[in-house]
Amino acid sequence: MRDFPVEKLKPLLGRLIADPVGLSIEIPLAPFTIDQEVVETSIFLGGVSLPTTDVLKLAGQTFSFPVNPKPGYIDGSVYVQHAHHPVDVTSIRFGPADGNAIEIELDLLFVFEFEGLDDYRNTSWTLITQIGNSEK
C-alpha cells in the first residue's frame, strides 16, 4: 500500500453553505493527475456544527470533531476514480478574515481503504485554504 500523493492537491476558494438541513463546506480542488487519470473533484463536508453561518465571525476559533460514526462527526467525502471516499475531519481552525473570505485549516483523513482506491492507504492531510459565505 502507498500514501495518496496529497502534494498534488491544490485547494481553491471554498464556501460555507447554509441550507435547511444545516451547514456544509465545499472545497474544490484544482484538477490533478493520478495514475494517468485527470481528476476534477471537491471535498464536501456535510453536517458541520458551527455556532454561526457567517464565516467572518469565526475568525480565530478552533473546533474539534469526532470521526464517523461517533455522534457529532462531519460527513465528508471526496470523489476519486469513480467512487466517493469518506473524509474524516478532526479539527477546523479559522484564521484571519480577508475581505469576504477567511483562512481555514482542516485536519483530514482520506479513508481510501473503505472503497479500495487502487493500492492507496488511508492518508492524513492538513488542508489550508480560504472559504467564503454562500447560500444553497
N, C-alpha and C. Protein backbone atom coordinates (compact mmCIF):
# COMPACT_ATOMS: atom_id res chain seq x y z
N MET A 1 0.84 -1.18 0.00
CA MET A 1 0.00 0.00 0.00
C MET A 1 0.89 1.25 0.00
N ARG A 2 0.39 2.30 -0.62
CA ARG A 2 1.15 3.54 -0.70
C ARG A 2 0.29 4.71 -0.25
N ASP A 3 0.97 5.80 0.14
CA ASP A 3 0.26 7.02 0.53
C ASP A 3 -0.28 7.71 -0.71
N PHE A 4 -1.44 8.30 -0.55
CA PHE A 4 -2.01 9.11 -1.62
C PHE A 4 -1.14 10.37 -1.76
N PRO A 5 -0.82 10.80 -2.99
CA PRO A 5 0.06 11.96 -3.19
C PRO A 5 -0.63 13.30 -2.91
N VAL A 6 -0.81 13.62 -1.63
CA VAL A 6 -1.53 14.85 -1.26
C VAL A 6 -0.83 16.11 -1.76
N GLU A 7 0.45 16.00 -2.09
CA GLU A 7 1.15 17.17 -2.62
C GLU A 7 0.58 17.61 -3.97
N LYS A 8 -0.18 16.75 -4.62
CA LYS A 8 -0.84 17.11 -5.88
C LYS A 8 -2.14 17.90 -5.66
N LEU A 9 -2.64 17.89 -4.44
CA LEU A 9 -3.93 18.53 -4.14
C LEU A 9 -3.73 20.02 -3.87
N LYS A 10 -4.37 20.83 -4.67
CA LYS A 10 -4.30 22.29 -4.55
C LYS A 10 -5.71 22.82 -4.32
N PRO A 11 -6.04 23.13 -3.06
CA PRO A 11 -7.39 23.61 -2.78
C PRO A 11 -7.62 25.00 -3.34
N LEU A 12 -8.84 25.22 -3.83
CA LEU A 12 -9.27 26.52 -4.34
C LEU A 12 -10.17 27.17 -3.29
N LEU A 13 -10.66 28.35 -3.57
CA LEU A 13 -11.56 29.04 -2.65
C LEU A 13 -12.79 28.18 -2.39
N GLY A 14 -13.04 27.89 -1.13
CA GLY A 14 -14.18 27.09 -0.74
C GLY A 14 -15.34 27.96 -0.32
N ARG A 15 -16.42 27.29 0.13
CA ARG A 15 -17.58 28.05 0.56
C ARG A 15 -18.28 27.33 1.70
N LEU A 16 -18.81 28.13 2.61
CA LEU A 16 -19.66 27.64 3.68
C LEU A 16 -21.09 27.78 3.18
N ILE A 17 -21.84 26.69 3.20
CA ILE A 17 -23.19 26.66 2.66
C ILE A 17 -24.17 26.44 3.80
N ALA A 18 -25.09 27.38 3.97
CA ALA A 18 -26.18 27.22 4.94
C ALA A 18 -27.42 26.82 4.17
N ASP A 19 -27.98 25.66 4.53
CA ASP A 19 -29.20 25.21 3.88
C ASP A 19 -30.17 24.70 4.95
N PRO A 20 -31.35 24.27 4.58
CA PRO A 20 -32.36 23.88 5.58
C PRO A 20 -31.91 22.75 6.52
N VAL A 21 -30.97 21.92 6.10
CA VAL A 21 -30.55 20.80 6.95
C VAL A 21 -29.28 21.09 7.74
N GLY A 22 -28.70 22.27 7.61
CA GLY A 22 -27.51 22.61 8.40
C GLY A 22 -26.44 23.29 7.58
N LEU A 23 -25.21 23.12 8.04
CA LEU A 23 -24.06 23.75 7.38
C LEU A 23 -23.23 22.71 6.64
N SER A 24 -22.70 23.12 5.51
CA SER A 24 -21.79 22.29 4.73
C SER A 24 -20.61 23.16 4.30
N ILE A 25 -19.50 22.52 4.04
CA ILE A 25 -18.32 23.19 3.48
C ILE A 25 -17.94 22.44 2.22
N GLU A 26 -17.77 23.20 1.13
CA GLU A 26 -17.30 22.60 -0.12
C GLU A 26 -15.99 23.27 -0.51
N ILE A 27 -14.97 22.44 -0.75
CA ILE A 27 -13.66 22.96 -1.15
C ILE A 27 -13.26 22.29 -2.47
N PRO A 28 -13.37 23.04 -3.58
CA PRO A 28 -12.94 22.47 -4.85
C PRO A 28 -11.42 22.32 -4.88
N LEU A 29 -10.97 21.33 -5.62
CA LEU A 29 -9.54 21.10 -5.81
C LEU A 29 -9.20 21.38 -7.27
N ALA A 30 -8.05 21.99 -7.50
CA ALA A 30 -7.58 22.18 -8.87
C ALA A 30 -7.42 20.80 -9.51
N PRO A 31 -7.71 20.66 -10.81
CA PRO A 31 -7.54 19.36 -11.47
C PRO A 31 -6.12 18.83 -11.26
N PHE A 32 -6.02 17.52 -11.04
CA PHE A 32 -4.73 16.87 -10.84
C PHE A 32 -4.75 15.51 -11.53
N THR A 33 -3.57 14.95 -11.73
CA THR A 33 -3.45 13.65 -12.39
C THR A 33 -2.99 12.62 -11.38
N ILE A 34 -3.68 11.49 -11.37
CA ILE A 34 -3.28 10.37 -10.53
C ILE A 34 -3.43 9.09 -11.34
N ASP A 35 -2.38 8.31 -11.39
CA ASP A 35 -2.39 7.06 -12.15
C ASP A 35 -2.90 7.27 -13.57
N GLN A 36 -2.37 8.28 -14.24
CA GLN A 36 -2.67 8.64 -15.64
C GLN A 36 -4.11 9.09 -15.85
N GLU A 37 -4.83 9.47 -14.81
CA GLU A 37 -6.20 9.95 -14.94
C GLU A 37 -6.29 11.36 -14.37
N VAL A 38 -6.90 12.27 -15.16
CA VAL A 38 -7.13 13.63 -14.67
C VAL A 38 -8.37 13.60 -13.77
N VAL A 39 -8.21 14.15 -12.58
CA VAL A 39 -9.29 14.16 -11.59
C VAL A 39 -9.75 15.59 -11.36
N GLU A 40 -11.05 15.82 -11.48
CA GLU A 40 -11.66 17.10 -11.14
C GLU A 40 -12.67 16.80 -10.04
N THR A 41 -12.42 17.31 -8.84
CA THR A 41 -13.25 16.95 -7.70
C THR A 41 -13.26 18.04 -6.65
N SER A 42 -14.08 17.84 -5.65
CA SER A 42 -14.17 18.73 -4.49
C SER A 42 -14.23 17.87 -3.23
N ILE A 43 -13.81 18.45 -2.14
CA ILE A 43 -14.03 17.83 -0.83
C ILE A 43 -15.32 18.44 -0.31
N PHE A 44 -16.27 17.57 0.02
CA PHE A 44 -17.56 18.06 0.52
C PHE A 44 -17.74 17.57 1.94
N LEU A 45 -18.06 18.50 2.84
CA LEU A 45 -18.23 18.20 4.25
C LEU A 45 -19.64 18.62 4.67
N GLY A 46 -20.46 17.68 5.04
CA GLY A 46 -21.83 17.96 5.45
C GLY A 46 -22.02 17.75 6.94
N GLY A 47 -23.05 18.37 7.48
CA GLY A 47 -23.35 18.22 8.90
C GLY A 47 -22.33 18.88 9.80
N VAL A 48 -21.81 20.03 9.36
CA VAL A 48 -20.80 20.75 10.13
C VAL A 48 -21.51 21.58 11.20
N SER A 49 -21.15 21.35 12.45
CA SER A 49 -21.77 22.08 13.57
C SER A 49 -20.88 23.25 13.97
N LEU A 50 -21.32 24.46 13.60
CA LEU A 50 -20.61 25.70 13.94
C LEU A 50 -21.62 26.66 14.57
N PRO A 51 -21.15 27.60 15.39
CA PRO A 51 -22.08 28.49 16.09
C PRO A 51 -22.69 29.59 15.24
N THR A 52 -22.24 29.76 14.01
CA THR A 52 -22.78 30.80 13.14
C THR A 52 -22.63 30.39 11.69
N THR A 53 -23.45 31.00 10.83
CA THR A 53 -23.34 30.75 9.40
C THR A 53 -22.50 31.82 8.71
N ASP A 54 -22.03 32.80 9.45
CA ASP A 54 -21.20 33.88 8.91
C ASP A 54 -19.74 33.54 9.16
N VAL A 55 -19.02 33.14 8.11
CA VAL A 55 -17.63 32.70 8.28
C VAL A 55 -16.76 33.79 8.88
N LEU A 56 -17.05 35.04 8.61
CA LEU A 56 -16.20 36.12 9.12
C LEU A 56 -16.25 36.21 10.64
N LYS A 57 -17.33 35.73 11.25
CA LYS A 57 -17.45 35.74 12.71
C LYS A 57 -16.72 34.56 13.36
N LEU A 58 -16.14 33.67 12.56
CA LEU A 58 -15.44 32.51 13.08
C LEU A 58 -13.94 32.74 13.23
N ALA A 59 -13.46 33.91 12.86
CA ALA A 59 -12.02 34.22 12.90
C ALA A 59 -11.42 33.89 14.26
N GLY A 60 -10.28 33.18 14.23
CA GLY A 60 -9.54 32.88 15.45
C GLY A 60 -10.09 31.71 16.26
N GLN A 61 -11.13 31.05 15.79
CA GLN A 61 -11.73 29.95 16.55
C GLN A 61 -11.28 28.59 16.03
N THR A 62 -11.25 27.61 16.92
CA THR A 62 -10.90 26.23 16.59
C THR A 62 -12.00 25.31 17.10
N PHE A 63 -12.35 24.31 16.29
CA PHE A 63 -13.39 23.36 16.65
C PHE A 63 -12.86 21.95 16.41
N SER A 64 -13.17 21.04 17.34
CA SER A 64 -12.77 19.63 17.22
C SER A 64 -14.00 18.78 16.96
N PHE A 65 -13.79 17.69 16.23
CA PHE A 65 -14.90 16.82 15.86
C PHE A 65 -14.47 15.36 16.00
N PRO A 66 -15.43 14.49 16.40
CA PRO A 66 -15.14 13.05 16.41
C PRO A 66 -15.18 12.51 14.98
N VAL A 67 -14.71 11.29 14.81
CA VAL A 67 -14.77 10.67 13.47
C VAL A 67 -15.99 9.77 13.38
N ASN A 68 -16.42 9.54 12.16
CA ASN A 68 -17.56 8.69 11.86
C ASN A 68 -17.32 7.30 12.47
N PRO A 69 -18.23 6.74 13.20
CA PRO A 69 -19.66 7.02 13.35
C PRO A 69 -20.05 7.70 14.66
N LYS A 70 -19.10 8.28 15.38
CA LYS A 70 -19.43 8.89 16.67
C LYS A 70 -20.32 10.12 16.47
N PRO A 71 -21.30 10.34 17.36
CA PRO A 71 -22.19 11.49 17.23
C PRO A 71 -21.41 12.81 17.16
N GLY A 72 -21.85 13.68 16.24
CA GLY A 72 -21.19 14.97 16.04
C GLY A 72 -20.13 14.96 14.95
N TYR A 73 -19.93 13.80 14.29
CA TYR A 73 -18.94 13.73 13.22
C TYR A 73 -19.40 14.55 12.01
N ILE A 74 -18.42 14.93 11.20
CA ILE A 74 -18.69 15.61 9.93
C ILE A 74 -18.75 14.55 8.84
N ASP A 75 -19.78 14.58 8.02
CA ASP A 75 -19.96 13.61 6.94
C ASP A 75 -19.21 14.11 5.71
N GLY A 76 -17.96 13.69 5.58
CA GLY A 76 -17.12 14.18 4.50
C GLY A 76 -16.88 13.14 3.42
N SER A 77 -16.62 13.63 2.19
CA SER A 77 -16.29 12.72 1.10
C SER A 77 -15.53 13.47 0.01
N VAL A 78 -14.83 12.68 -0.80
CA VAL A 78 -14.16 13.17 -1.99
C VAL A 78 -14.34 12.11 -3.07
N TYR A 79 -14.62 12.55 -4.29
CA TYR A 79 -14.86 11.63 -5.40
C TYR A 79 -13.58 11.48 -6.21
N VAL A 80 -13.02 10.26 -6.21
CA VAL A 80 -11.79 9.96 -6.95
C VAL A 80 -11.94 8.57 -7.56
N GLN A 81 -11.58 8.44 -8.81
CA GLN A 81 -11.62 7.17 -9.53
C GLN A 81 -12.95 6.44 -9.35
N HIS A 82 -14.03 7.11 -9.70
CA HIS A 82 -15.36 6.53 -9.80
C HIS A 82 -15.97 6.09 -8.47
N ALA A 83 -15.53 6.68 -7.36
CA ALA A 83 -16.13 6.35 -6.06
C ALA A 83 -16.01 7.53 -5.10
N HIS A 84 -17.01 7.63 -4.22
CA HIS A 84 -16.94 8.60 -3.13
C HIS A 84 -16.18 7.95 -1.98
N HIS A 85 -15.12 8.59 -1.53
CA HIS A 85 -14.31 8.09 -0.45
C HIS A 85 -14.57 8.93 0.79
N PRO A 86 -14.79 8.30 1.95
CA PRO A 86 -15.02 9.07 3.17
C PRO A 86 -13.83 9.96 3.52
N VAL A 87 -14.14 11.10 4.11
CA VAL A 87 -13.12 12.02 4.62
C VAL A 87 -13.49 12.34 6.06
N ASP A 88 -12.64 11.95 7.00
CA ASP A 88 -12.85 12.29 8.40
C ASP A 88 -12.19 13.62 8.69
N VAL A 89 -12.88 14.47 9.46
CA VAL A 89 -12.37 15.78 9.86
C VAL A 89 -12.27 15.77 11.38
N THR A 90 -11.06 16.02 11.90
CA THR A 90 -10.91 16.03 13.35
C THR A 90 -10.83 17.44 13.92
N SER A 91 -10.43 18.41 13.11
CA SER A 91 -10.44 19.79 13.60
C SER A 91 -10.54 20.78 12.45
N ILE A 92 -11.13 21.93 12.78
CA ILE A 92 -11.20 23.06 11.86
C ILE A 92 -10.72 24.28 12.63
N ARG A 93 -9.74 24.98 12.06
CA ARG A 93 -9.21 26.21 12.64
C ARG A 93 -9.46 27.35 11.66
N PHE A 94 -10.04 28.42 12.17
CA PHE A 94 -10.30 29.59 11.35
C PHE A 94 -9.25 30.65 11.66
N GLY A 95 -8.64 31.16 10.63
CA GLY A 95 -7.62 32.20 10.78
C GLY A 95 -8.25 33.56 10.61
N PRO A 96 -7.44 34.50 10.15
CA PRO A 96 -7.94 35.87 9.97
C PRO A 96 -8.86 36.00 8.76
N ALA A 97 -9.79 36.94 8.88
CA ALA A 97 -10.67 37.26 7.76
C ALA A 97 -9.93 38.17 6.80
N ASP A 98 -10.24 38.02 5.51
CA ASP A 98 -9.62 38.83 4.46
C ASP A 98 -10.73 39.22 3.48
N GLY A 99 -11.30 40.39 3.67
CA GLY A 99 -12.42 40.80 2.81
C GLY A 99 -13.64 39.97 3.12
N ASN A 100 -14.15 39.24 2.12
CA ASN A 100 -15.33 38.40 2.30
C ASN A 100 -14.98 36.93 2.49
N ALA A 101 -13.71 36.63 2.74
CA ALA A 101 -13.27 35.25 2.92
C ALA A 101 -12.46 35.14 4.21
N ILE A 102 -12.24 33.90 4.64
CA ILE A 102 -11.48 33.64 5.85
C ILE A 102 -10.58 32.43 5.62
N GLU A 103 -9.39 32.47 6.20
CA GLU A 103 -8.50 31.32 6.12
C GLU A 103 -9.06 30.18 6.96
N ILE A 104 -8.96 28.97 6.44
CA ILE A 104 -9.44 27.79 7.15
C ILE A 104 -8.38 26.70 7.04
N GLU A 105 -8.17 25.99 8.14
CA GLU A 105 -7.22 24.87 8.18
C GLU A 105 -7.98 23.66 8.73
N LEU A 106 -7.97 22.57 7.98
CA LEU A 106 -8.69 21.36 8.38
C LEU A 106 -7.73 20.19 8.48
N ASP A 107 -7.85 19.43 9.56
CA ASP A 107 -7.10 18.17 9.68
C ASP A 107 -8.00 17.06 9.16
N LEU A 108 -7.55 16.42 8.07
CA LEU A 108 -8.37 15.43 7.37
C LEU A 108 -7.71 14.06 7.35
N LEU A 109 -8.54 13.04 7.23
CA LEU A 109 -8.07 11.69 6.94
C LEU A 109 -8.90 11.18 5.78
N PHE A 110 -8.24 10.95 4.64
CA PHE A 110 -8.90 10.35 3.49
C PHE A 110 -8.97 8.85 3.74
N VAL A 111 -10.18 8.28 3.76
CA VAL A 111 -10.36 6.86 4.05
C VAL A 111 -10.48 6.11 2.72
N PHE A 112 -9.34 5.97 2.04
CA PHE A 112 -9.33 5.34 0.73
C PHE A 112 -9.50 3.82 0.81
N GLU A 113 -9.17 3.21 1.93
CA GLU A 113 -9.26 1.76 2.05
C GLU A 113 -10.71 1.28 2.09
N PHE A 114 -11.65 2.15 2.45
CA PHE A 114 -13.06 1.80 2.55
C PHE A 114 -13.59 1.34 1.19
N GLU A 115 -13.31 2.09 0.13
CA GLU A 115 -13.76 1.75 -1.22
C GLU A 115 -12.67 1.07 -2.04
N GLY A 116 -11.48 0.96 -1.46
CA GLY A 116 -10.39 0.27 -2.15
C GLY A 116 -9.83 1.04 -3.32
N LEU A 117 -9.41 2.29 -3.10
CA LEU A 117 -8.81 3.11 -4.16
C LEU A 117 -7.45 2.54 -4.52
N ASP A 118 -7.41 1.77 -5.60
CA ASP A 118 -6.19 1.09 -6.05
C ASP A 118 -5.44 0.54 -4.85
N ASP A 119 -4.20 0.89 -4.69
CA ASP A 119 -3.45 0.38 -3.54
C ASP A 119 -3.05 1.52 -2.61
N TYR A 120 -3.92 2.54 -2.49
CA TYR A 120 -3.66 3.66 -1.59
C TYR A 120 -4.19 3.36 -0.20
N ARG A 121 -3.36 3.66 0.79
CA ARG A 121 -3.78 3.52 2.19
C ARG A 121 -4.48 4.79 2.62
N ASN A 122 -5.17 4.73 3.73
CA ASN A 122 -5.77 5.91 4.32
C ASN A 122 -4.67 6.94 4.55
N THR A 123 -4.94 8.19 4.21
CA THR A 123 -3.89 9.21 4.19
C THR A 123 -4.35 10.48 4.89
N SER A 124 -3.53 10.97 5.82
CA SER A 124 -3.82 12.23 6.52
C SER A 124 -3.34 13.41 5.70
N TRP A 125 -4.01 14.55 5.88
CA TRP A 125 -3.63 15.78 5.19
C TRP A 125 -4.16 16.97 5.96
N THR A 126 -3.34 17.98 6.10
CA THR A 126 -3.78 19.26 6.65
C THR A 126 -4.01 20.20 5.48
N LEU A 127 -5.27 20.55 5.26
CA LEU A 127 -5.68 21.40 4.14
C LEU A 127 -5.77 22.84 4.64
N ILE A 128 -5.16 23.77 3.91
CA ILE A 128 -5.24 25.18 4.23
C ILE A 128 -5.70 25.92 2.99
N THR A 129 -6.78 26.69 3.13
CA THR A 129 -7.31 27.48 2.03
C THR A 129 -8.15 28.61 2.61
N GLN A 130 -8.96 29.23 1.79
CA GLN A 130 -9.91 30.24 2.25
C GLN A 130 -11.31 29.80 1.85
N ILE A 131 -12.28 30.21 2.67
CA ILE A 131 -13.68 29.98 2.32
C ILE A 131 -14.46 31.26 2.49
N GLY A 132 -15.58 31.33 1.80
CA GLY A 132 -16.49 32.47 1.90
C GLY A 132 -17.90 31.98 2.16
N ASN A 133 -18.81 32.88 2.42
CA ASN A 133 -20.21 32.55 2.61
C ASN A 133 -20.89 32.26 1.28
N SER A 134 -21.84 31.37 1.30
CA SER A 134 -22.63 31.09 0.10
C SER A 134 -23.98 30.53 0.54
N GLU A 135 -24.99 30.80 -0.22
CA GLU A 135 -26.32 30.23 0.06
C GLU A 135 -26.61 29.18 -0.99
N LYS A 136 -27.21 28.09 -0.57
CA LYS A 136 -27.55 26.98 -1.48
C LYS A 136 -28.94 27.16 -2.01
